[in-house]
């Protein structure tokens, strides 16, 4: 059963989540680009393994081209190629 929150409780809840969001933003900004690429590749592989994503050859080629451009800009290696 849901209970109504008072205005003070709502403000307190919002303030706490603002702090959580600030920490999360700092963590995301501090994550190295290579790790972000690796995380994205892992999620994409999971989607493929679960049958959730079935890209066409054209989509795959375009995606690979985008990763190569990102790789060139970042000066690192691409986990998808």
Protein backbone atom coordinates (compact mmCIF):
# COMPACT_ATOMS: atom_id res chain seq x y z
CA UNK A 1 0.00 0.00 0.00
CA UNK A 2 1.41 3.38 -1.01
CA UNK A 3 1.73 6.16 1.52
CA UNK A 4 1.77 9.87 0.79
CA UNK A 5 5.04 11.69 1.38
CA UNK A 6 5.15 15.04 3.08
CA UNK A 7 6.74 17.99 1.29
CA UNK A 8 9.79 17.73 3.57
CA UNK A 9 10.18 14.03 2.74
CA UNK A 10 9.94 14.75 -0.98
CA UNK A 11 12.58 17.49 -0.73
CA UNK A 12 14.84 15.21 1.31
CA UNK A 13 14.41 12.38 -1.20
CA UNK A 14 15.22 14.72 -4.12
CA UNK A 15 18.32 16.03 -2.36
CA UNK A 16 19.60 12.51 -1.70
CA UNK A 17 19.09 11.48 -5.32
CA UNK A 18 20.78 14.67 -6.52
CA UNK A 19 23.84 13.55 -4.54
CA UNK A 20 23.64 10.03 -5.97
CA UNK A 21 23.35 11.44 -9.50
CA UNK A 22 26.33 13.74 -8.95
CA UNK A 23 28.50 10.80 -7.86
CA UNK A 24 27.31 8.74 -10.83
CA UNK A 25 28.16 11.57 -13.25
CA UNK A 26 31.66 11.88 -11.74
CA UNK A 27 32.20 8.14 -12.07
CA UNK A 28 31.06 8.09 -15.69
CA UNK A 29 33.31 11.05 -16.56
CA UNK A 30 36.25 9.35 -14.85
CA UNK A 31 35.78 6.09 -16.76
CA UNK A 32 38.45 5.76 -19.45
CA UNK A 33 37.17 5.77 -23.03
CA UNK A 34 38.59 2.31 -23.64
CA UNK A 35 36.54 0.95 -20.73
CA UNK A 36 33.39 2.64 -22.11
CA UNK A 37 34.04 0.98 -25.48
CA UNK A 38 34.52 -2.39 -23.74
CA UNK A 39 31.28 -1.95 -21.76
CA UNK A 40 29.35 -1.04 -24.90
CA UNK A 41 30.80 -4.01 -26.78
CA UNK A 42 29.79 -6.31 -23.92
CA UNK A 43 26.22 -5.01 -23.97
CA UNK A 44 26.04 -5.38 -27.74
CA UNK A 45 27.35 -8.95 -27.52
CA UNK A 46 24.78 -9.75 -24.84
CA UNK A 47 21.98 -8.41 -27.04
CA UNK A 48 23.20 -10.52 -29.95
CA UNK A 49 23.54 -13.66 -27.81
CA UNK A 50 19.98 -13.21 -26.52
CA UNK A 51 18.68 -12.76 -30.05
CA UNK A 52 17.55 -9.20 -29.32
CA UNK A 53 19.56 -7.59 -32.10
CA UNK A 54 19.89 -8.83 -35.63
CA UNK A 55 21.77 -6.19 -37.61
CA UNK A 56 21.90 -6.35 -41.37
CA UNK A 57 25.27 -6.42 -43.11
CA UNK A 58 24.84 -2.74 -43.96
CA UNK A 59 24.08 -1.83 -40.34
CA UNK A 60 27.12 -3.78 -39.18
CA UNK A 61 29.37 -2.08 -41.72
CA UNK A 62 28.09 1.36 -40.71
CA UNK A 63 28.58 0.53 -37.04
CA UNK A 64 32.13 -0.64 -37.68
CA UNK A 65 32.85 2.59 -39.57
CA UNK A 66 31.55 4.64 -36.63
CA UNK A 67 33.71 2.67 -34.20
CA UNK A 68 36.74 3.19 -36.42
CA UNK A 69 36.10 6.96 -36.45
CA UNK A 70 35.74 6.96 -32.65
CA UNK A 71 38.90 4.88 -32.37
CA UNK A 72 40.82 7.33 -34.53
CA UNK A 73 39.60 10.29 -32.48
CA UNK A 74 40.37 8.58 -29.18
CA UNK A 75 43.75 7.28 -30.32
CA UNK A 76 43.00 3.83 -28.87
CA UNK A 77 41.96 0.42 -30.05
CA UNK A 78 38.41 -0.56 -30.91
CA UNK A 79 37.01 -3.65 -29.14
CA UNK A 80 34.67 -4.39 -32.08
CA UNK A 81 37.23 -4.63 -34.85
